[in-house]
C-alpha atoms as a PDB file:
ATOM      1  CA  MET A   1      -0.075   0.185  -0.125  1.00  0.00           C
ATOM      2  CA  LEU A   2       1.259   3.506  -0.740  1.00  0.00           C
ATOM      3  CA  GLY A   3       1.272   6.126   1.959  1.00  0.00           C
ATOM      4  CA  VAL A   4       0.742   9.764   0.606  1.00  0.00           C
ATOM      5  CA  LEU A   5       2.182  12.342   2.997  1.00  0.00           C
ATOM      6  CA  GLY A   6       0.168  15.378   1.696  1.00  0.00           C
ATOM      7  CA  GLY A   7      -1.453  18.666   2.497  1.00  0.00           C
ATOM      8  CA  MET A   8       1.565  20.808   1.544  1.00  0.00           C
ATOM      9  CA  GLY A   9      -0.609  21.981   0.083  1.00  0.00           C
ATOM     10  CA  PRO A  10      -3.971  20.296  -0.259  1.00  0.00           C
ATOM     11  CA  ALA A  11      -4.172  20.943  -4.231  1.00  0.00           C
ATOM     12  CA  ALA A  12      -0.869  19.745  -4.640  1.00  0.00           C
ATOM     13  CA  THR A  13      -1.870  16.391  -2.953  1.00  0.00           C
ATOM     14  CA  VAL A  14      -5.167  16.060  -5.273  1.00  0.00           C
ATOM     15  CA  ASP A  15      -2.965  16.652  -8.088  1.00  0.00           C
ATOM     16  CA  PHE A  16      -0.576  13.778  -7.420  1.00  0.00           C
ATOM     17  CA  LEU A  17      -3.181  11.538  -6.697  1.00  0.00           C
ATOM     18  CA  ASP A  18      -4.802  12.263 -10.152  1.00  0.00           C
ATOM     19  CA  LYS A  19      -1.667  11.783 -11.842  1.00  0.00           C
ATOM     20  CA  LEU A  20      -0.987   8.397 -10.080  1.00  0.00           C
ATOM     21  CA  VAL A  21      -4.295   7.305 -11.423  1.00  0.00           C
ATOM     22  CA  ARG A  22      -3.379   8.548 -15.062  1.00  0.00           C
ATOM     23  CA  ALA A  23       0.107   6.685 -14.754  1.00  0.00           C
ATOM     24  CA  THR A  24      -1.434   3.364 -13.747  1.00  0.00           C
ATOM     25  CA  GLU A  25      -2.138   0.842 -16.314  1.00  0.00           C
ATOM     26  CA  ALA A  26      -5.671  -0.084 -15.155  1.00  0.00           C
ATOM     27  CA  GLU A  27      -8.895  -1.667 -16.708  1.00  0.00           C
ATOM     28  CA  ARG A  28     -10.511  -2.114 -13.491  1.00  0.00           C
ATOM     29  CA  ASP A  29     -10.797  -0.659 -10.047  1.00  0.00           C
ATOM     30  CA  GLN A  30      -8.552  -3.571  -8.947  1.00  0.00           C
ATOM     31  CA  ASP A  31      -5.537  -2.640 -11.173  1.00  0.00           C
ATOM     32  CA  HIS A  32      -5.086   0.613  -9.395  1.00  0.00           C
ATOM     33  CA  VAL A  33      -2.334   1.178  -6.780  1.00  0.00           C
ATOM     34  CA  PRO A  34      -3.994   0.739  -3.198  1.00  0.00           C
ATOM     35  CA  VAL A  35      -3.279   4.097  -1.426  1.00  0.00           C
ATOM     36  CA  VAL A  36      -3.748   5.834   2.182  1.00  0.00           C
ATOM     37  CA  VAL A  37      -3.561   9.678   2.259  1.00  0.00           C
ATOM     38  CA  TRP A  38      -2.499  11.892   5.135  1.00  0.00           C
ATOM     39  CA  ASN A  39      -3.735  15.224   4.078  1.00  0.00           C
ATOM     40  CA  ASP A  40      -2.820  17.697   6.983  1.00  0.00           C
ATOM     41  CA  PRO A  41      -2.469  21.144   5.937  1.00  0.00           C
ATOM     42  CA  ARG A  42      -1.373  22.065   9.464  1.00  0.00           C
ATOM     43  CA  VAL A  43       2.073  20.961   8.768  1.00  0.00           C
ATOM     44  CA  PRO A  44       4.083  24.176   9.476  1.00  0.00           C
ATOM     45  CA  ASP A  45       5.569  25.991   6.171  1.00  0.00           C
ATOM     46  CA  ARG A  46       8.749  24.458   4.968  1.00  0.00           C
ATOM     47  CA  THR A  47      10.158  27.444   3.446  1.00  0.00           C
ATOM     48  CA  ASP A  48       9.297  29.571   6.379  1.00  0.00           C
ATOM     49  CA  ALA A  49      11.188  27.173   8.640  1.00  0.00           C
ATOM     50  CA  LEU A  50      14.377  27.013   6.561  1.00  0.00           C
ATOM     51  CA  CYS A  51      14.289  30.775   5.548  1.00  0.00           C
ATOM     52  CA  HIS A  52      12.958  32.722   8.151  1.00  0.00           C
ATOM     53  CA  GLY A  53      13.250  30.531  11.717  1.00  0.00           C
ATOM     54  CA  GLY A  54       9.616  29.553  11.551  1.00  0.00           C
ATOM     55  CA  PRO A  55       8.254  26.403  13.253  1.00  0.00           C
ATOM     56  CA  ASP A  56       9.705  23.074  12.385  1.00  0.00           C
ATOM     57  CA  PRO A  57       7.710  20.765  10.195  1.00  0.00           C
ATOM     58  CA  THR A  58       9.642  17.664  11.329  1.00  0.00           C
ATOM     59  CA  PRO A  59       7.342  16.718  14.137  1.00  0.00           C
ATOM     60  CA  ALA A  60       4.140  17.028  12.008  1.00  0.00           C
ATOM     61  CA  LEU A  61       5.754  15.116   9.325  1.00  0.00           C
ATOM     62  CA  ILE A  62       6.693  12.249  11.651  1.00  0.00           C
ATOM     63  CA  THR A  63       3.214  12.348  12.801  1.00  0.00           C
ATOM     64  CA  GLY A  64       1.950  11.746   9.326  1.00  0.00           C
ATOM     65  CA  ALA A  65       4.370   9.265   8.418  1.00  0.00           C
ATOM     66  CA  SER A  66       3.535   7.124  11.536  1.00  0.00           C
ATOM     67  CA  ALA A  67      -0.108   7.485  11.044  1.00  0.00           C
ATOM     68  CA  LEU A  68       0.415   6.035   7.565  1.00  0.00           C
ATOM     69  CA  LEU A  69       2.611   3.341   8.483  1.00  0.00           C
ATOM     70  CA  ALA A  70       0.013   2.389  11.159  1.00  0.00           C
ATOM     71  CA  MET A  71      -2.655   2.337   8.189  1.00  0.00           C
ATOM     72  CA  GLY A  72      -0.521  -0.367   6.364  1.00  0.00           C
ATOM     73  CA  ALA A  73       1.227   1.801   4.165  1.00  0.00           C
ATOM     74  CA  SER A  74       4.586  -0.053   2.946  1.00  0.00           C
ATOM     75  CA  VAL A  75       6.178   2.844   0.805  1.00  0.00           C
ATOM     76  CA  LEU A  76       5.660   6.513   1.412  1.00  0.00           C
ATOM     77  CA  VAL A  77       5.691   9.705  -0.989  1.00  0.00           C
ATOM     78  CA  ALA A  78       5.869  13.349   0.282  1.00  0.00           C
ATOM     79  CA  ILE A  79       4.047  15.800  -1.902  1.00  0.00           C
ATOM     80  CA  CYS A  80       6.213  18.593  -1.205  1.00  0.00           C
ATOM     81  CA  ASN A  81       9.851  19.276  -2.765  1.00  0.00           C
ATOM     82  CA  THR A  82      11.109  21.285   0.128  1.00  0.00           C
ATOM     83  CA  ALA A  83       9.748  18.589   2.514  1.00  0.00           C
ATOM     84  CA  HIS A  84      12.328  16.339   1.391  1.00  0.00           C
ATOM     85  CA  LEU A  85      14.976  18.186   3.162  1.00  0.00           C
ATOM     86  CA  PHE A  86      13.307  16.907   6.313  1.00  0.00           C
ATOM     87  CA  LEU A  87      12.642  13.429   5.351  1.00  0.00           C
ATOM     88  CA  PRO A  88      15.886  11.993   6.535  1.00  0.00           C
ATOM     89  CA  GLU A  89      15.094  12.752  10.217  1.00  0.00           C
ATOM     90  CA  VAL A  90      11.655  11.503   9.585  1.00  0.00           C
ATOM     91  CA  THR A  91      12.954   8.148   8.340  1.00  0.00           C
ATOM     92  CA  ALA A  92      15.351   7.853  11.048  1.00  0.00           C
ATOM     93  CA  VAL A  93      12.548   8.263  13.590  1.00  0.00           C
ATOM     94  CA  THR A  94       9.948   6.157  11.857  1.00  0.00           C
ATOM     95  CA  GLY A  95      11.744   3.850   9.622  1.00  0.00           C
ATOM     96  CA  ALA A  96       9.652   4.825   6.911  1.00  0.00           C
ATOM     97  CA  ARG A  97      10.834   4.072   3.349  1.00  0.00           C
ATOM     98  CA  PHE A  98      10.107   7.286   1.060  1.00  0.00           C
ATOM     99  CA  LEU A  99      10.284   7.266  -2.847  1.00  0.00           C
ATOM    100  CA  SER A 100      12.207  10.242  -3.759  1.00  0.00           C
ATOM    101  CA  MET A 101      10.629  13.125  -5.915  1.00  0.00           C
ATOM    102  CA  VAL A 102      13.936  14.414  -6.375  1.00  0.00           C
ATOM    103  CA  GLU A 103      15.819  11.177  -7.459  1.00  0.00           C
ATOM    104  CA  ALA A 104      13.013  10.361  -9.789  1.00  0.00           C
ATOM    105  CA  THR A 105      13.421  14.183 -11.288  1.00  0.00           C
ATOM    106  CA  VAL A 106      16.998  13.899 -11.706  1.00  0.00           C
ATOM    107  CA  ALA A 107      16.784  10.753 -13.813  1.00  0.00           C
ATOM    108  CA  GLU A 108      14.006  12.515 -15.712  1.00  0.00           C
ATOM    109  CA  VAL A 109      16.270  15.075 -16.675  1.00  0.00           C
ATOM    110  CA  THR A 110      19.236  13.064 -17.326  1.00  0.00           C
ATOM    111  CA  GLY A 111      16.962  11.319 -20.041  1.00  0.00           C
ATOM    112  CA  LEU A 112      15.562  14.458 -21.531  1.00  0.00           C
ATOM    113  CA  LEU A 113      18.615  16.670 -21.877  1.00  0.00           C
ATOM    114  CA  PRO A 114      22.001  16.024 -23.238  1.00  0.00           C
ATOM    115  CA  PRO A 115      24.926  15.949 -20.817  1.00  0.00           C
ATOM    116  CA  GLY A 116      26.181  19.558 -19.822  1.00  0.00           C
ATOM    117  CA  VAL A 117      22.782  21.164 -20.787  1.00  0.00           C
ATOM    118  CA  PRO A 118      21.869  23.575 -18.293  1.00  0.00           C
ATOM    119  CA  VAL A 119      18.364  22.728 -16.607  1.00  0.00           C
ATOM    120  CA  GLY A 120      16.459  25.673 -14.638  1.00  0.00           C
ATOM    121  CA  LEU A 121      14.704  25.266 -11.125  1.00  0.00           C
ATOM    122  CA  LEU A 122      11.602  26.961 -10.292  1.00  0.00           C
ATOM    123  CA  ALA A 123      11.078  26.197  -6.393  1.00  0.00           C
ATOM    124  CA  GLY A 124      10.479  27.567  -3.307  1.00  0.00           C
ATOM    125  CA  THR A 125      13.334  29.695  -1.840  1.00  0.00           C
ATOM    126  CA  ALA A 126      14.546  27.174   0.544  1.00  0.00           C
ATOM    127  CA  ALA A 127      14.734  24.530  -2.215  1.00  0.00           C
ATOM    128  CA  ALA A 128      16.051  26.878  -4.843  1.00  0.00           C
ATOM    129  CA  GLN A 129      18.888  27.877  -2.434  1.00  0.00           C
ATOM    130  CA  SER A 130      19.666  24.281  -0.711  1.00  0.00           C
ATOM    131  CA  ASP A 131      21.516  21.406  -2.344  1.00  0.00           C
ATOM    132  CA  LEU A 132      18.155  19.399  -2.686  1.00  0.00           C
ATOM    133  CA  TYR A 133      18.654  19.713  -6.475  1.00  0.00           C
ATOM    134  CA  ALA A 134      21.935  21.616  -6.645  1.00  0.00           C
ATOM    135  CA  ALA A 135      23.999  18.527  -5.128  1.00  0.00           C
ATOM    136  CA  PRO A 136      22.962  15.671  -7.622  1.00  0.00           C
ATOM    137  CA  PHE A 137      23.169  17.893 -10.589  1.00  0.00           C
ATOM    138  CA  ALA A 138      26.488  19.181  -9.787  1.00  0.00           C
ATOM    139  CA  GLU A 139      27.715  15.535  -9.190  1.00  0.00           C
ATOM    140  CA  ALA A 140      26.395  14.704 -12.607  1.00  0.00           C
ATOM    141  CA  GLY A 141      28.179  17.901 -14.163  1.00  0.00           C
ATOM    142  CA  ARG A 142      24.932  19.373 -15.103  1.00  0.00           C
ATOM    143  CA  PRO A 143      24.624  23.214 -14.636  1.00  0.00           C
ATOM    144  CA  LEU A 144      21.444  24.286 -12.519  1.00  0.00           C
ATOM    145  CA  LEU A 145      19.972  27.666 -13.131  1.00  0.00           C
ATOM    146  CA  VAL A 146      17.947  29.444 -10.665  1.00  0.00           C
ATOM    147  CA  PRO A 147      15.971  32.730 -10.599  1.00  0.00           C
ATOM    148  CA  ALA A 148      17.513  35.831  -9.924  1.00  0.00           C
ATOM    149  CA  PRO A 149      16.247  37.150  -6.700  1.00  0.00           C
ATOM    150  CA  PRO A 150      13.584  39.605  -8.140  1.00  0.00           C
ATOM    151  CA  ASP A 151      12.331  36.733 -10.070  1.00  0.00           C
ATOM    152  CA  GLN A 152      12.529  34.488  -7.155  1.00  0.00           C
ATOM    153  CA  GLU A 153      10.171  36.549  -5.467  1.00  0.00           C
ATOM    154  CA  GLU A 154       7.800  36.227  -8.384  1.00  0.00           C
ATOM    155  CA  VAL A 155       8.029  32.386  -8.026  1.00  0.00           C
ATOM    156  CA  MET A 156       7.115  32.597  -4.283  1.00  0.00           C
ATOM    157  CA  ALA A 157       4.044  35.059  -5.307  1.00  0.00           C
ATOM    158  CA  VAL A 158       2.748  32.488  -7.677  1.00  0.00           C
ATOM    159  CA  ILE A 159       3.223  29.587  -5.244  1.00  0.00           C
ATOM    160  CA  ARG A 160       1.184  31.753  -2.905  1.00  0.00           C
ATOM    161  CA  ALA A 161      -1.502  32.412  -5.471  1.00  0.00           C
ATOM    162  CA  VAL A 162      -1.819  28.930  -5.994  1.00  0.00           C
ATOM    163  CA  LYS A 163      -2.044  28.046  -2.289  1.00  0.00           C
ATOM    164  CA  ALA A 164      -4.981  30.576  -2.332  1.00  0.00           C
ATOM    165  CA  GLY A 165      -6.732  29.226  -5.364  1.00  0.00           C
ATOM    166  CA  ASP A 166      -5.483  31.563  -8.057  1.00  0.00           C
ATOM    167  CA  VAL A 167      -4.527  29.768 -11.178  1.00  0.00           C
ATOM    168  CA  SER A 168      -5.480  32.678 -13.526  1.00  0.00           C
ATOM    169  CA  GLU A 169      -3.990  33.982 -16.558  1.00  0.00           C
ATOM    170  CA  ARG A 170      -2.062  36.688 -14.659  1.00  0.00           C
ATOM    171  CA  THR A 171      -0.641  33.923 -12.211  1.00  0.00           C
ATOM    172  CA  ALA A 172       0.444  31.900 -15.189  1.00  0.00           C
ATOM    173  CA  GLY A 173       1.999  34.866 -17.125  1.00  0.00           C
ATOM    174  CA  ARG A 174       4.208  35.807 -14.004  1.00  0.00           C
ATOM    175  CA  LEU A 175       5.374  32.220 -13.782  1.00  0.00           C
ATOM    176  CA  ARG A 176       5.912  32.399 -17.702  1.00  0.00           C
ATOM    177  CA  ALA A 177       8.116  35.475 -17.575  1.00  0.00           C
ATOM    178  CA  VAL A 178      10.471  33.947 -15.163  1.00  0.00           C
ATOM    179  CA  THR A 179      10.549  30.796 -17.164  1.00  0.00           C
ATOM    180  CA  THR A 180      11.415  32.803 -20.149  1.00  0.00           C
ATOM    181  CA  GLU A 181      14.290  34.565 -18.362  1.00  0.00           C
ATOM    182  CA  LEU A 182      15.596  30.935 -17.361  1.00  0.00           C
ATOM    183  CA  ARG A 183      15.445  29.905 -21.189  1.00  0.00           C
ATOM    184  CA  ALA A 184      17.257  33.166 -22.143  1.00  0.00           C
ATOM    185  CA  ALA A 185      20.138  32.199 -19.791  1.00  0.00           C
ATOM    186  CA  GLY A 186      20.370  28.917 -21.306  1.00  0.00           C
ATOM    187  CA  ALA A 187      17.967  26.167 -19.702  1.00  0.00           C
ATOM    188  CA  GLY A 188      16.957  23.494 -21.830  1.00  0.00           C
ATOM    189  CA  ALA A 189      14.264  22.729 -19.683  1.00  0.00           C
ATOM    190  CA  VAL A 190      12.718  23.873 -16.333  1.00  0.00           C
ATOM    191  CA  ILE A 191      11.911  21.879 -13.287  1.00  0.00           C
ATOM    192  CA  ALA A 192       8.553  22.998 -11.707  1.00  0.00           C
ATOM    193  CA  GLY A 193      10.384  22.236  -8.291  1.00  0.00           C
ATOM    194  CA  CYS A 194       7.434  23.008  -6.030  1.00  0.00           C
ATOM    195  CA  THR A 195       4.202  21.315  -6.121  1.00  0.00           C
ATOM    196  CA  GLU A 196       1.932  23.999  -6.671  1.00  0.00           C
ATOM    197  CA  LEU A 197       3.721  25.135  -9.910  1.00  0.00           C
ATOM    198  CA  PRO A 198       2.656  22.029 -12.204  1.00  0.00           C
ATOM    199  CA  ILE A 199      -0.838  23.062 -11.499  1.00  0.00           C
ATOM    200  CA  VAL A 200       0.202  26.694 -12.929  1.00  0.00           C
ATOM    201  CA  PHE A 201       1.832  25.311 -15.932  1.00  0.00           C
ATOM    202  CA  ALA A 202      -1.165  22.980 -16.634  1.00  0.00           C
ATOM    203  CA  ALA A 203      -3.405  26.053 -17.275  1.00  0.00           C
ATOM    204  CA  ASP A 204      -0.604  27.501 -19.480  1.00  0.00           C
ATOM    205  CA  PRO A 205      -0.970  26.315 -23.081  1.00  0.00           C
ATOM    206  CA  ARG A 206       2.278  28.099 -24.068  1.00  0.00           C
ATOM    207  CA  PRO A 207       5.329  26.869 -22.146  1.00  0.00           C
ATOM    208  CA  VAL A 208       8.358  28.536 -23.455  1.00  0.00           C
ATOM    209  CA  VAL A 209      10.572  25.817 -22.575  1.00  0.00           C
ATOM    210  CA  PRO A 210      10.173  21.873 -21.783  1.00  0.00           C
ATOM    211  CA  VAL A 211       8.663  21.547 -18.292  1.00  0.00           C
ATOM    212  CA  ILE A 212       9.630  18.881 -16.078  1.00  0.00           C
ATOM    213  CA  ASP A 213       6.720  17.947 -13.500  1.00  0.00           C
ATOM    214  CA  PRO A 214       8.320  16.159 -10.395  1.00  0.00           C
ATOM    215  CA  THR A 215       4.646  15.208  -9.314  1.00  0.00           C
ATOM    216  CA  ALA A 216       4.206  13.435 -12.393  1.00  0.00           C
ATOM    217  CA  VAL A 217       7.537  11.967 -12.431  1.00  0.00           C
ATOM    218  CA  LEU A 218       7.033  10.756  -8.894  1.00  0.00           C
ATOM    219  CA  ALA A 219       3.563   9.353  -9.690  1.00  0.00           C
ATOM    220  CA  ALA A 220       4.905   7.184 -12.619  1.00  0.00           C
ATOM    221  CA  ALA A 221       7.706   5.906 -10.364  1.00  0.00           C
ATOM    222  CA  ALA A 222       4.937   4.882  -7.531  1.00  0.00           C
ATOM    223  CA  ALA A 223       3.023   3.364 -10.195  1.00  0.00           C
ATOM    224  CA  GLN A 224       5.738   1.354 -11.747  1.00  0.00           C
ATOM    225  CA  LEU A 225       6.917   0.419  -8.053  1.00  0.00           C
ATOM    226  CA  PHE A 226       3.452  -1.410  -7.293  1.00  0.00           C
ATOM    227  CA  ARG A 227       2.951  -2.766 -10.846  1.00  0.00           C
ATOM    228  CA  PRO A 228       4.282  -6.229  -9.725  1.00  0.00           C
ATOM    229  CA  VAL A 229       2.110  -6.280  -6.612  1.00  0.00           C
ATOM    230  CA  ARG A 230      -0.989  -5.332  -8.541  1.00  0.00           C
ATOM    231  CA  LEU A 231      -0.278  -8.071 -11.102  1.00  0.00           C
ATOM    232  CA  ALA A 232       0.218 -10.646  -8.428  1.00  0.00           C
ATOM    233  CA  VAL A 233      -3.221  -9.675  -6.972  1.00  0.00           C
ATOM    234  CA  ALA A 234      -4.767  -9.774 -10.504  1.00  0.00           C
END
């Protein structure tokens, strides 16, 4: 059973579940991945904790992971890029096994772009400034481009807008402008490295550069992981 550690935010969690269903080869209900969901939006903001000394989300993540394990989950996913910075401690306390959104995304970039071609990262400030994506791409010898500070503020404004339910053309336009700057800097693709951002890109019919959706990549990885189990049940 797959455990979904969600609520960060709720729309992103729903987006993952939709993409998991779409990624699963199924002809009947029983062919789908069995899932339990912990959708708790009270988890303290991860970027606020890392950048501004806000409340630590780790205890809430531990509570959620423990609840999912108690409900029978054997593998967990966290539907938040920045939350991955806290997962080592969550695993140390709970013993939970997490599928890594970051590892799956790095593999997706490797398959999409030739070696050495830069990739852009659109993410919350904490994720953008951390080694979350920077370290694996540095190890692979791939340049990682992040927005300039004013553009990073625009990315944060877009994230806040989606959390407030605003996926309007104006919101999409703000993200498109930042993406255009990354393309001009040489990005061969951009990572939608906050789980709110794929929701905006989905509403934009004119992406200026290929967009890598970590939510969709993680959903595909989960569907593939559980495929032998589902076949055995069938």
